[in-house]
Amino acid sequence: MSECQTYKIFDFCVIQKEEDIKREIMNNGPVVTASQIYLDLLTYKSGVYQYIEGTKKFRGLQQWKIVGWDQDENEDTYWIAENTWGETWGEDGLIRIKAGQDKNFFG
């Protein structure tokens, strides 16, 4: 049996405001969150994803690792996130998710 490293979580915080999430990424690295699994996520290829009210969803949650953020040509902020679906999904395994809809998407 091979040896594996184990890790313990000593503390965590729940953050919801956009500026707090950015600060956490800058100070401590990626943050973890969860969302519903919406049908259109399965076919996401590129661009800034925006949740549309009423989009069909599957039961359960998808975990996301938010690794950063940027702005599009309209200066709208979006999150850069990764999930467990691998590099063949999305933009080499990443998705750009419109910020400001966090309570609808990540809530």
C-alpha atoms as a PDB file:
ATOM      1  CA  MET A   1       0.000   0.000   0.000  1.00  0.00           C
ATOM      2  CA  SER A   2       1.430   3.390  -0.951  1.00  0.00           C
ATOM      3  CA  GLU A   3       1.737   6.146   1.586  1.00  0.00           C
ATOM      4  CA  CYS A   4      -0.397   9.213   1.157  1.00  0.00           C
ATOM      5  CA  GLN A   5      -0.273  12.620   2.740  1.00  0.00           C
ATOM      6  CA  THR A   6      -3.134  13.568   4.995  1.00  0.00           C
ATOM      7  CA  TYR A   7      -4.311  17.087   5.667  1.00  0.00           C
ATOM      8  CA  LYS A   8      -6.436  18.554   8.406  1.00  0.00           C
ATOM      9  CA  ILE A   9      -8.618  21.615   8.193  1.00  0.00           C
ATOM     10  CA  PHE A  10      -7.995  23.771  11.200  1.00  0.00           C
ATOM     11  CA  ASP A  11     -10.307  26.609  10.323  1.00  0.00           C
ATOM     12  CA  PHE A  12     -12.465  27.896   7.543  1.00  0.00           C
ATOM     13  CA  CYS A  13     -14.611  30.894   6.850  1.00  0.00           C
ATOM     14  CA  VAL A  14     -17.781  31.490   4.906  1.00  0.00           C
ATOM     15  CA  ILE A  15     -17.439  34.431   2.547  1.00  0.00           C
ATOM     16  CA  GLN A  16     -20.007  35.755   0.117  1.00  0.00           C
ATOM     17  CA  LYS A  17     -19.044  39.262  -0.931  1.00  0.00           C
ATOM     18  CA  GLU A  18     -17.129  39.591  -4.178  1.00  0.00           C
ATOM     19  CA  GLU A  19     -14.319  41.679  -2.673  1.00  0.00           C
ATOM     20  CA  ASP A  20     -13.910  39.214   0.220  1.00  0.00           C
ATOM     21  CA  ILE A  21     -13.599  36.294  -2.213  1.00  0.00           C
ATOM     22  CA  LYS A  22     -10.952  38.175  -4.204  1.00  0.00           C
ATOM     23  CA  ARG A  23      -9.040  39.020  -1.032  1.00  0.00           C
ATOM     24  CA  GLU A  24      -9.149  35.386   0.103  1.00  0.00           C
ATOM     25  CA  ILE A  25      -7.785  34.200  -3.264  1.00  0.00           C
ATOM     26  CA  MET A  26      -5.001  36.800  -3.138  1.00  0.00           C
ATOM     27  CA  ASN A  27      -4.035  35.979   0.459  1.00  0.00           C
ATOM     28  CA  ASN A  28      -4.590  32.221   0.661  1.00  0.00           C
ATOM     29  CA  GLY A  29      -5.152  30.816  -2.821  1.00  0.00           C
ATOM     30  CA  PRO A  30      -8.230  29.217  -4.413  1.00  0.00           C
ATOM     31  CA  VAL A  31     -11.572  29.074  -2.621  1.00  0.00           C
ATOM     32  CA  VAL A  32     -14.035  26.199  -2.769  1.00  0.00           C
ATOM     33  CA  THR A  33     -17.764  26.510  -3.365  1.00  0.00           C
ATOM     34  CA  ALA A  34     -20.672  24.468  -4.714  1.00  0.00           C
ATOM     35  CA  SER A  35     -23.536  24.959  -7.141  1.00  0.00           C
ATOM     36  CA  GLN A  36     -26.440  23.132  -8.627  1.00  0.00           C
ATOM     37  CA  ILE A  37     -25.602  21.133 -11.755  1.00  0.00           C
ATOM     38  CA  TYR A  38     -27.414  22.986 -14.521  1.00  0.00           C
ATOM     39  CA  LEU A  39     -28.084  21.247 -17.832  1.00  0.00           C
ATOM     40  CA  ASP A  40     -26.289  23.894 -19.905  1.00  0.00           C
ATOM     41  CA  LEU A  41     -23.086  23.379 -17.893  1.00  0.00           C
ATOM     42  CA  LEU A  42     -22.707  19.960 -19.487  1.00  0.00           C
ATOM     43  CA  THR A  43     -22.279  21.533 -22.928  1.00  0.00           C
ATOM     44  CA  TYR A  44     -20.267  24.603 -21.861  1.00  0.00           C
ATOM     45  CA  LYS A  45     -17.336  25.137 -24.228  1.00  0.00           C
ATOM     46  CA  SER A  46     -16.216  28.759 -23.876  1.00  0.00           C
ATOM     47  CA  GLY A  47     -17.208  32.297 -23.013  1.00  0.00           C
ATOM     48  CA  VAL A  48     -18.522  33.804 -19.811  1.00  0.00           C
ATOM     49  CA  TYR A  49     -21.236  31.545 -18.402  1.00  0.00           C
ATOM     50  CA  GLN A  50     -24.328  33.271 -17.073  1.00  0.00           C
ATOM     51  CA  TYR A  51     -27.015  31.457 -15.139  1.00  0.00           C
ATOM     52  CA  ILE A  52     -30.463  31.925 -16.690  1.00  0.00           C
ATOM     53  CA  GLU A  53     -33.457  31.705 -14.371  1.00  0.00           C
ATOM     54  CA  GLY A  54     -35.416  28.519 -14.991  1.00  0.00           C
ATOM     55  CA  THR A  55     -32.506  26.533 -16.453  1.00  0.00           C
ATOM     56  CA  LYS A  56     -33.092  22.837 -15.821  1.00  0.00           C
ATOM     57  CA  LYS A  57     -30.911  21.283 -13.153  1.00  0.00           C
ATOM     58  CA  PHE A  58     -29.934  17.863 -11.902  1.00  0.00           C
ATOM     59  CA  ARG A  59     -30.177  16.718  -8.309  1.00  0.00           C
ATOM     60  CA  GLY A  60     -27.057  17.198  -6.262  1.00  0.00           C
ATOM     61  CA  LEU A  61     -24.262  19.706  -6.192  1.00  0.00           C
ATOM     62  CA  GLN A  62     -21.053  20.307  -8.135  1.00  0.00           C
ATOM     63  CA  GLN A  63     -17.944  21.460  -6.301  1.00  0.00           C
ATOM     64  CA  TRP A  64     -15.959  24.344  -7.787  1.00  0.00           C
ATOM     65  CA  LYS A  65     -12.514  25.704  -7.071  1.00  0.00           C
ATOM     66  CA  ILE A  66     -12.431  29.423  -7.835  1.00  0.00           C
ATOM     67  CA  VAL A  67      -8.852  30.138  -8.879  1.00  0.00           C
ATOM     68  CA  GLY A  68      -9.147  33.759  -9.985  1.00  0.00           C
ATOM     69  CA  TRP A  69     -11.139  36.446 -11.722  1.00  0.00           C
ATOM     70  CA  ASP A  70     -10.892  38.849 -14.640  1.00  0.00           C
ATOM     71  CA  GLN A  71     -13.033  41.309 -16.588  1.00  0.00           C
ATOM     72  CA  ASP A  72     -14.575  41.042 -20.034  1.00  0.00           C
ATOM     73  CA  GLU A  73     -14.616  43.755 -22.719  1.00  0.00           C
ATOM     74  CA  ASN A  74     -17.523  45.479 -20.918  1.00  0.00           C
ATOM     75  CA  GLU A  75     -15.497  45.468 -17.682  1.00  0.00           C
ATOM     76  CA  ASP A  76     -17.906  42.979 -16.098  1.00  0.00           C
ATOM     77  CA  THR A  77     -16.145  40.743 -13.605  1.00  0.00           C
ATOM     78  CA  TYR A  78     -16.184  36.964 -13.974  1.00  0.00           C
ATOM     79  CA  TRP A  79     -14.795  34.146 -11.841  1.00  0.00           C
ATOM     80  CA  ILE A  80     -12.371  31.614 -13.253  1.00  0.00           C
ATOM     81  CA  ALA A  81     -13.232  28.219 -11.777  1.00  0.00           C
ATOM     82  CA  GLU A  82     -12.400  24.550 -12.124  1.00  0.00           C
ATOM     83  CA  ASN A  83     -14.482  21.493 -11.306  1.00  0.00           C
ATOM     84  CA  THR A  84     -13.890  17.746 -11.450  1.00  0.00           C
ATOM     85  CA  TRP A  85     -14.929  17.184 -15.064  1.00  0.00           C
ATOM     86  CA  GLY A  86     -11.394  17.263 -16.448  1.00  0.00           C
ATOM     87  CA  GLU A  87      -9.491  19.161 -19.117  1.00  0.00           C
ATOM     88  CA  THR A  88     -11.707  18.034 -22.007  1.00  0.00           C
ATOM     89  CA  TRP A  89     -14.647  20.033 -20.585  1.00  0.00           C
ATOM     90  CA  GLY A  90     -15.005  23.790 -20.955  1.00  0.00           C
ATOM     91  CA  GLU A  91     -11.896  25.864 -21.568  1.00  0.00           C
ATOM     92  CA  ASP A  92      -9.256  23.207 -20.818  1.00  0.00           C
ATOM     93  CA  GLY A  93     -11.141  22.237 -17.660  1.00  0.00           C
ATOM     94  CA  LEU A  94     -11.958  25.806 -16.611  1.00  0.00           C
ATOM     95  CA  ILE A  95     -15.071  27.952 -16.795  1.00  0.00           C
ATOM     96  CA  ARG A  96     -15.599  31.690 -16.651  1.00  0.00           C
ATOM     97  CA  ILE A  97     -18.697  32.459 -14.547  1.00  0.00           C
ATOM     98  CA  LYS A  98     -20.276  35.904 -14.468  1.00  0.00           C
ATOM     99  CA  ALA A  99     -19.792  37.444 -11.016  1.00  0.00           C
ATOM    100  CA  GLY A 100     -22.681  39.135  -9.280  1.00  0.00           C
ATOM    101  CA  GLN A 101     -25.008  36.205  -9.836  1.00  0.00           C
ATOM    102  CA  ASP A 102     -23.321  34.237  -7.064  1.00  0.00           C
ATOM    103  CA  LYS A 103     -26.432  33.772  -4.939  1.00  0.00           C
ATOM    104  CA  ASN A 104     -28.266  32.310  -7.935  1.00  0.00           C
ATOM    105  CA  PHE A 105     -25.393  30.178  -9.209  1.00  0.00           C
ATOM    106  CA  PHE A 106     -23.387  29.296  -6.116  1.00  0.00           C
ATOM    107  CA  GLY A 107     -26.265  29.677  -3.626  1.00  0.00           C
END
